[in-house]
Amino acid sequence: QAGGSLRLSCVASGSISSFASMGWYRQAPGK
C-alpha cells in the first residue's frame, strides 16, 4: 500500500569485477 516499504535484493554471479558499479532501474507500462 502507499506509504509502505519494500527491500529489493540483487545477487550477481559470473565474471564480476570488484570495481564495477551496480544500479537499479525501473520501467512502468507505457514508459
PDB file of all heavy atoms in Angstrom:
ATOM      1  N   GLN A   1       0.831  -1.190   0.000  1.00  0.00           N
ATOM      2  CA  GLN A   1       0.000   0.000   0.000  1.00  0.00           C
ATOM      3  C   GLN A   1       0.871   1.248   0.000  1.00  0.00           C
ATOM      4  O   GLN A   1       2.033   1.221   0.421  1.00  0.00           O
ATOM      5  CB  GLN A   1      -0.919   0.014   1.218  1.00  0.00           C
ATOM      6  CG  GLN A   1      -1.964  -1.085   1.223  1.00  0.00           C
ATOM      7  CD  GLN A   1      -2.904  -0.989   2.403  1.00  0.00           C
ATOM      8  OE1 GLN A   1      -2.556  -0.432   3.444  1.00  0.00           O
ATOM      9  NE2 GLN A   1      -4.099  -1.517   2.246  1.00  0.00           N
ATOM     10  N   ALA A   2       0.310   2.336  -0.491  1.00  0.00           N
ATOM     11  CA  ALA A   2       1.026   3.602  -0.472  1.00  0.00           C
ATOM     12  C   ALA A   2       1.502   3.918   0.941  1.00  0.00           C
ATOM     13  O   ALA A   2       0.769   3.743   1.911  1.00  0.00           O
ATOM     14  CB  ALA A   2       0.134   4.721  -0.998  1.00  0.00           C
ATOM     15  N   GLY A   3       2.739   4.384   1.027  1.00  0.00           N
ATOM     16  CA  GLY A   3       3.338   4.671   2.320  1.00  0.00           C
ATOM     17  C   GLY A   3       4.128   3.514   2.896  1.00  0.00           C
ATOM     18  O   GLY A   3       4.857   3.694   3.882  1.00  0.00           O
ATOM     19  N   GLY A   4       4.004   2.348   2.298  1.00  0.00           N
ATOM     20  CA  GLY A   4       4.692   1.173   2.785  1.00  0.00           C
ATOM     21  C   GLY A   4       6.124   1.087   2.284  1.00  0.00           C
ATOM     22  O   GLY A   4       6.625   1.985   1.606  1.00  0.00           O
ATOM     23  N   SER A   5       6.776  -0.029   2.616  1.00  0.00           N
ATOM     24  CA  SER A   5       8.183  -0.221   2.287  1.00  0.00           C
ATOM     25  C   SER A   5       8.431  -1.595   1.690  1.00  0.00           C
ATOM     26  O   SER A   5       7.704  -2.558   1.960  1.00  0.00           O
ATOM     27  CB  SER A   5       9.057  -0.075   3.542  1.00  0.00           C
ATOM     28  OG  SER A   5       8.942   1.208   4.117  1.00  0.00           O
ATOM     29  N   LEU A   6       9.464  -1.678   0.877  1.00  0.00           N
ATOM     30  CA  LEU A   6       9.956  -2.931   0.326  1.00  0.00           C
ATOM     31  C   LEU A   6      11.466  -2.850   0.234  1.00  0.00           C
ATOM     32  O   LEU A   6      12.026  -1.759   0.077  1.00  0.00           O
ATOM     33  CB  LEU A   6       9.398  -3.202  -1.068  1.00  0.00           C
ATOM     34  CG  LEU A   6       7.972  -3.722  -1.221  1.00  0.00           C
ATOM     35  CD1 LEU A   6       7.623  -3.785  -2.708  1.00  0.00           C
ATOM     36  CD2 LEU A   6       7.821  -5.089  -0.588  1.00  0.00           C
ATOM     37  N   ARG A   7      12.127  -3.996   0.316  1.00  0.00           N
ATOM     38  CA  ARG A   7      13.553  -4.064   0.078  1.00  0.00           C
ATOM     39  C   ARG A   7      13.828  -5.051  -1.039  1.00  0.00           C
ATOM     40  O   ARG A   7      13.497  -6.234  -0.933  1.00  0.00           O
ATOM     41  CB  ARG A   7      14.327  -4.491   1.331  1.00  0.00           C
ATOM     42  CG  ARG A   7      15.846  -4.358   1.147  1.00  0.00           C
ATOM     43  CD  ARG A   7      16.634  -4.847   2.333  1.00  0.00           C
ATOM     44  NE  ARG A   7      16.646  -6.306   2.410  1.00  0.00           N
ATOM     45  CZ  ARG A   7      17.499  -7.010   3.151  1.00  0.00           C
ATOM     46  NH1 ARG A   7      18.404  -6.391   3.887  1.00  0.00           N
ATOM     47  NH2 ARG A   7      17.421  -8.331   3.176  1.00  0.00           N
ATOM     48  N   LEU A   8      14.435  -4.564  -2.105  1.00  0.00           N
ATOM     49  CA  LEU A   8      14.817  -5.403  -3.223  1.00  0.00           C
ATOM     50  C   LEU A   8      16.260  -5.867  -3.057  1.00  0.00           C
ATOM     51  O   LEU A   8      17.096  -5.135  -2.538  1.00  0.00           O
ATOM     52  CB  LEU A   8      14.685  -4.643  -4.544  1.00  0.00           C
ATOM     53  CG  LEU A   8      13.329  -3.983  -4.833  1.00  0.00           C
ATOM     54  CD1 LEU A   8      13.360  -3.342  -6.215  1.00  0.00           C
ATOM     55  CD2 LEU A   8      12.198  -4.992  -4.718  1.00  0.00           C
ATOM     56  N   SER A   9      16.532  -7.074  -3.517  1.00  0.00           N
ATOM     57  CA  SER A   9      17.877  -7.621  -3.490  1.00  0.00           C
ATOM     58  C   SER A   9      18.268  -8.081  -4.879  1.00  0.00           C
ATOM     59  O   SER A   9      17.422  -8.490  -5.671  1.00  0.00           O
ATOM     60  CB  SER A   9      17.970  -8.808  -2.522  1.00  0.00           C
ATOM     61  OG  SER A   9      17.647  -8.432  -1.207  1.00  0.00           O
ATOM     62  N   CYS A  10      19.547  -8.023  -5.166  1.00  0.00           N
ATOM     63  CA  CYS A  10      20.073  -8.489  -6.443  1.00  0.00           C
ATOM     64  C   CYS A  10      21.398  -9.181  -6.193  1.00  0.00           C
ATOM     65  O   CYS A  10      22.334  -8.565  -5.670  1.00  0.00           O
ATOM     66  CB  CYS A  10      20.255  -7.319  -7.412  1.00  0.00           C
ATOM     67  SG  CYS A  10      21.102  -7.749  -8.950  1.00  0.00           S
ATOM     68  N   VAL A  11      21.477 -10.446  -6.565  1.00  0.00           N
ATOM     69  CA  VAL A  11      22.693 -11.229  -6.397  1.00  0.00           C
ATOM     70  C   VAL A  11      23.378 -11.389  -7.741  1.00  0.00           C
ATOM     71  O   VAL A  11      22.753 -11.823  -8.717  1.00  0.00           O
ATOM     72  CB  VAL A  11      22.393 -12.608  -5.788  1.00  0.00           C
ATOM     73  CG1 VAL A  11      23.681 -13.405  -5.634  1.00  0.00           C
ATOM     74  CG2 VAL A  11      21.704 -12.457  -4.445  1.00  0.00           C
ATOM     75  N   ALA A  12      24.649 -11.038  -7.803  1.00  0.00           N
ATOM     76  CA  ALA A  12      25.429 -11.139  -9.025  1.00  0.00           C
ATOM     77  C   ALA A  12      26.344 -12.354  -8.972  1.00  0.00           C
ATOM     78  O   ALA A  12      26.876 -12.711  -7.919  1.00  0.00           O
ATOM     79  CB  ALA A  12      26.257  -9.876  -9.237  1.00  0.00           C
ATOM     80  N   SER A  13      26.538 -12.976 -10.129  1.00  0.00           N
ATOM     81  CA  SER A  13      27.454 -14.096 -10.237  1.00  0.00           C
ATOM     82  C   SER A  13      28.112 -14.069 -11.608  1.00  0.00           C
ATOM     83  O   SER A  13      27.640 -13.397 -12.517  1.00  0.00           O
ATOM     84  CB  SER A  13      26.737 -15.433 -10.011  1.00  0.00           C
ATOM     85  OG  SER A  13      25.736 -15.647 -10.992  1.00  0.00           O
ATOM     86  N   GLY A  14      29.211 -14.798 -11.748  1.00  0.00           N
ATOM     87  CA  GLY A  14      29.926 -14.843 -13.007  1.00  0.00           C
ATOM     88  C   GLY A  14      31.219 -14.057 -12.952  1.00  0.00           C
ATOM     89  O   GLY A  14      31.894 -14.033 -11.929  1.00  0.00           O
ATOM     90  N   SER A  15      31.562 -13.418 -14.058  1.00  0.00           N
ATOM     91  CA  SER A  15      32.813 -12.674 -14.180  1.00  0.00           C
ATOM     92  C   SER A  15      32.639 -11.267 -13.624  1.00  0.00           C
ATOM     93  O   SER A  15      32.526 -10.290 -14.370  1.00  0.00           O
ATOM     94  CB  SER A  15      33.261 -12.644 -15.639  1.00  0.00           C
ATOM     95  OG  SER A  15      33.449 -13.952 -16.152  1.00  0.00           O
ATOM     96  N   ILE A  16      32.652 -11.183 -12.318  1.00  0.00           N
ATOM     97  CA  ILE A  16      32.358  -9.927 -11.631  1.00  0.00           C
ATOM     98  C   ILE A  16      33.640  -9.188 -11.287  1.00  0.00           C
ATOM     99  O   ILE A  16      34.570  -9.764 -10.731  1.00  0.00           O
ATOM    100  CB  ILE A  16      31.555 -10.195 -10.351  1.00  0.00           C
ATOM    101  CG1 ILE A  16      30.269 -10.947 -10.668  1.00  0.00           C
ATOM    102  CG2 ILE A  16      31.247  -8.885  -9.634  1.00  0.00           C
ATOM    103  CD1 ILE A  16      29.601 -11.530  -9.442  1.00  0.00           C
ATOM    104  N   SER A  17      33.664  -7.906 -11.600  1.00  0.00           N
ATOM    105  CA  SER A  17      34.754  -7.035 -11.193  1.00  0.00           C
ATOM    106  C   SER A  17      34.394  -6.365  -9.878  1.00  0.00           C
ATOM    107  O   SER A  17      33.297  -5.824  -9.729  1.00  0.00           O
ATOM    108  CB  SER A  17      35.027  -5.971 -12.249  1.00  0.00           C
ATOM    109  OG  SER A  17      35.927  -4.993 -11.757  1.00  0.00           O
ATOM    110  N   SER A  18      35.315  -6.379  -8.939  1.00  0.00           N
ATOM    111  CA  SER A  18      35.074  -5.742  -7.654  1.00  0.00           C
ATOM    112  C   SER A  18      35.004  -4.227  -7.762  1.00  0.00           C
ATOM    113  O   SER A  18      34.561  -3.566  -6.816  1.00  0.00           O
ATOM    114  CB  SER A  18      36.149  -6.144  -6.652  1.00  0.00           C
ATOM    115  OG  SER A  18      37.435  -5.741  -7.089  1.00  0.00           O
ATOM    116  N   PHE A  19      35.410  -3.682  -8.902  1.00  0.00           N
ATOM    117  CA  PHE A  19      35.398  -2.238  -9.103  1.00  0.00           C
ATOM    118  C   PHE A  19      34.155  -1.743  -9.830  1.00  0.00           C
ATOM    119  O   PHE A  19      33.993  -0.536 -10.016  1.00  0.00           O
ATOM    120  CB  PHE A  19      36.640  -1.794  -9.875  1.00  0.00           C
ATOM    121  CG  PHE A  19      37.919  -2.038  -9.145  1.00  0.00           C
ATOM    122  CD1 PHE A  19      38.695  -3.149  -9.426  1.00  0.00           C
ATOM    123  CD2 PHE A  19      38.348  -1.161  -8.168  1.00  0.00           C
ATOM    124  CE1 PHE A  19      39.881  -3.377  -8.744  1.00  0.00           C
ATOM    125  CE2 PHE A  19      39.528  -1.373  -7.479  1.00  0.00           C
ATOM    126  CZ  PHE A  19      40.298  -2.493  -7.769  1.00  0.00           C
ATOM    127  N   ALA A  20      33.285  -2.641 -10.243  1.00  0.00           N
ATOM    128  CA  ALA A  20      32.119  -2.254 -11.018  1.00  0.00           C
ATOM    129  C   ALA A  20      31.052  -1.604 -10.155  1.00  0.00           C
ATOM    130  O   ALA A  20      30.797  -2.026  -9.025  1.00  0.00           O
ATOM    131  CB  ALA A  20      31.529  -3.471 -11.726  1.00  0.00           C
ATOM    132  N   SER A  21      30.419  -0.580 -10.714  1.00  0.00           N
ATOM    133  CA  SER A  21      29.240  -0.012 -10.083  1.00  0.00           C
ATOM    134  C   SER A  21      28.047  -0.933 -10.317  1.00  0.00           C
ATOM    135  O   SER A  21      28.037  -1.746 -11.241  1.00  0.00           O
ATOM    136  CB  SER A  21      28.936   1.372 -10.666  1.00  0.00           C
ATOM    137  OG  SER A  21      29.977   2.286 -10.377  1.00  0.00           O
ATOM    138  N   MET A  22      27.029  -0.798  -9.482  1.00  0.00           N
ATOM    139  CA  MET A  22      25.790  -1.527  -9.670  1.00  0.00           C
ATOM    140  C   MET A  22      24.639  -0.560  -9.456  1.00  0.00           C
ATOM    141  O   MET A  22      24.756   0.398  -8.693  1.00  0.00           O
ATOM    142  CB  MET A  22      25.684  -2.719  -8.727  1.00  0.00           C
ATOM    143  CG  MET A  22      26.751  -3.770  -8.962  1.00  0.00           C
ATOM    144  SD  MET A  22      26.531  -5.255  -7.953  1.00  0.00           S
ATOM    145  CE  MET A  22      25.084  -5.977  -8.761  1.00  0.00           C
ATOM    146  N   GLY A  23      23.536  -0.817 -10.146  1.00  0.00           N
ATOM    147  CA  GLY A  23      22.437   0.115 -10.064  1.00  0.00           C
ATOM    148  C   GLY A  23      21.082  -0.532 -10.172  1.00  0.00           C
ATOM    149  O   GLY A  23      20.954  -1.739 -10.372  1.00  0.00           O
ATOM    150  N   TRP A  24      20.069   0.300 -10.008  1.00  0.00           N
ATOM    151  CA  TRP A  24      18.686  -0.100 -10.160  1.00  0.00           C
ATOM    152  C   TRP A  24      18.005   0.817 -11.159  1.00  0.00           C
ATOM    153  O   TRP A  24      18.205   2.041 -11.134  1.00  0.00           O
ATOM    154  CB  TRP A  24      17.928  -0.032  -8.829  1.00  0.00           C
ATOM    155  CG  TRP A  24      18.319  -1.097  -7.851  1.00  0.00           C
ATOM    156  CD1 TRP A  24      19.232  -1.001  -6.853  1.00  0.00           C
ATOM    157  CD2 TRP A  24      17.788  -2.420  -7.787  1.00  0.00           C
ATOM    158  NE1 TRP A  24      19.317  -2.181  -6.160  1.00  0.00           N
ATOM    159  CE2 TRP A  24      18.434  -3.079  -6.719  1.00  0.00           C
ATOM    160  CE3 TRP A  24      16.835  -3.117  -8.522  1.00  0.00           C
ATOM    161  CZ2 TRP A  24      18.149  -4.396  -6.368  1.00  0.00           C
ATOM    162  CZ3 TRP A  24      16.553  -4.429  -8.178  1.00  0.00           C
ATOM    163  CH2 TRP A  24      17.208  -5.057  -7.111  1.00  0.00           C
ATOM    164  N   TYR A  25      17.213   0.226 -12.031  1.00  0.00           N
ATOM    165  CA  TYR A  25      16.389   0.932 -12.992  1.00  0.00           C
ATOM    166  C   TYR A  25      14.966   0.405 -12.874  1.00  0.00           C
ATOM    167  O   TYR A  25      14.736  -0.657 -12.306  1.00  0.00           O
ATOM    168  CB  TYR A  25      16.907   0.717 -14.416  1.00  0.00           C
ATOM    169  CG  TYR A  25      18.226   1.391 -14.704  1.00  0.00           C
ATOM    170  CD1 TYR A  25      19.408   0.933 -14.131  1.00  0.00           C
ATOM    171  CD2 TYR A  25      18.296   2.488 -15.560  1.00  0.00           C
ATOM    172  CE1 TYR A  25      20.616   1.552 -14.388  1.00  0.00           C
ATOM    173  CE2 TYR A  25      19.510   3.109 -15.832  1.00  0.00           C
ATOM    174  CZ  TYR A  25      20.662   2.636 -15.244  1.00  0.00           C
ATOM    175  OH  TYR A  25      21.858   3.251 -15.509  1.00  0.00           O
ATOM    176  N   ARG A  26      14.016   1.140 -13.420  1.00  0.00           N
ATOM    177  CA  ARG A  26      12.638   0.669 -13.395  1.00  0.00           C
ATOM    178  C   ARG A  26      11.930   1.043 -14.685  1.00  0.00           C
ATOM    179  O   ARG A  26      12.298   1.994 -15.360  1.00  0.00           O
ATOM    180  CB  ARG A  26      11.876   1.235 -12.188  1.00  0.00           C
ATOM    181  CG  ARG A  26      11.669   2.739 -12.218  1.00  0.00           C
ATOM    182  CD  ARG A  26      11.063   3.214 -10.909  1.00  0.00           C
ATOM    183  NE  ARG A  26      10.791   4.645 -10.910  1.00  0.00           N
ATOM    184  CZ  ARG A  26      10.369   5.332  -9.859  1.00  0.00           C
ATOM    185  NH1 ARG A  26      10.163   4.711  -8.695  1.00  0.00           N
ATOM    186  NH2 ARG A  26      10.150   6.631  -9.954  1.00  0.00           N
ATOM    187  N   GLN A  27      10.891   0.282 -14.996  1.00  0.00           N
ATOM    188  CA  GLN A  27      10.108   0.528 -16.192  1.00  0.00           C
ATOM    189  C   GLN A  27       8.639   0.287 -15.897  1.00  0.00           C
ATOM    190  O   GLN A  27       8.245  -0.814 -15.522  1.00  0.00           O
ATOM    191  CB  GLN A  27      10.570  -0.367 -17.343  1.00  0.00           C
ATOM    192  CG  GLN A  27       9.909  -0.050 -18.667  1.00  0.00           C
ATOM    193  CD  GLN A  27      10.599  -0.728 -19.833  1.00  0.00           C
ATOM    194  OE1 GLN A  27      11.316  -1.707 -19.655  1.00  0.00           O
ATOM    195  NE2 GLN A  27      10.400  -0.201 -21.016  1.00  0.00           N
ATOM    196  N   ALA A  28       7.841   1.326 -16.059  1.00  0.00           N
ATOM    197  CA  ALA A  28       6.404   1.239 -15.879  1.00  0.00           C
ATOM    198  C   ALA A  28       5.736   1.037 -17.237  1.00  0.00           C
ATOM    199  O   ALA A  28       6.302   1.395 -18.272  1.00  0.00           O
ATOM    200  CB  ALA A  28       5.876   2.508 -15.217  1.00  0.00           C
ATOM    201  N   PRO A  29       4.527   0.476 -17.252  1.00  0.00           N
ATOM    202  CA  PRO A  29       3.818   0.288 -18.526  1.00  0.00           C
ATOM    203  C   PRO A  29       3.676   1.602 -19.285  1.00  0.00           C
ATOM    204  O   PRO A  29       3.284   2.618 -18.711  1.00  0.00           O
ATOM    205  CB  PRO A  29       2.455  -0.252 -18.094  1.00  0.00           C
ATOM    206  CG  PRO A  29       2.716  -0.921 -16.791  1.00  0.00           C
ATOM    207  CD  PRO A  29       3.755  -0.064 -16.118  1.00  0.00           C
ATOM    208  N   GLY A  30       4.004   1.571 -20.564  1.00  0.00           N
ATOM    209  CA  GLY A  30       3.887   2.756 -21.394  1.00  0.00           C
ATOM    210  C   GLY A  30       5.022   3.747 -21.248  1.00  0.00           C
ATOM    211  O   GLY A  30       4.990   4.801 -21.882  1.00  0.00           O
ATOM    212  N   LYS A  31       6.015   3.432 -20.422  1.00  0.00           N
ATOM    213  CA  LYS A  31       7.142   4.323 -20.225  1.00  0.00           C
ATOM    214  C   LYS A  31       8.447   3.612 -20.549  1.00  0.00           C
ATOM    215  O   LYS A  31       8.521   2.386 -20.547  1.00  0.00           O
ATOM    216  CB  LYS A  31       7.191   4.826 -18.780  1.00  0.00           C
ATOM    217  CG  LYS A  31       6.008   5.682 -18.355  1.00  0.00           C
ATOM    218  CD  LYS A  31       6.197   6.191 -16.941  1.00  0.00           C
ATOM    219  CE  LYS A  31       5.060   7.091 -16.507  1.00  0.00           C
ATOM    220  NZ  LYS A  31       5.264   7.589 -15.121  1.00  0.00           N
TER     221      LYS A  31
END
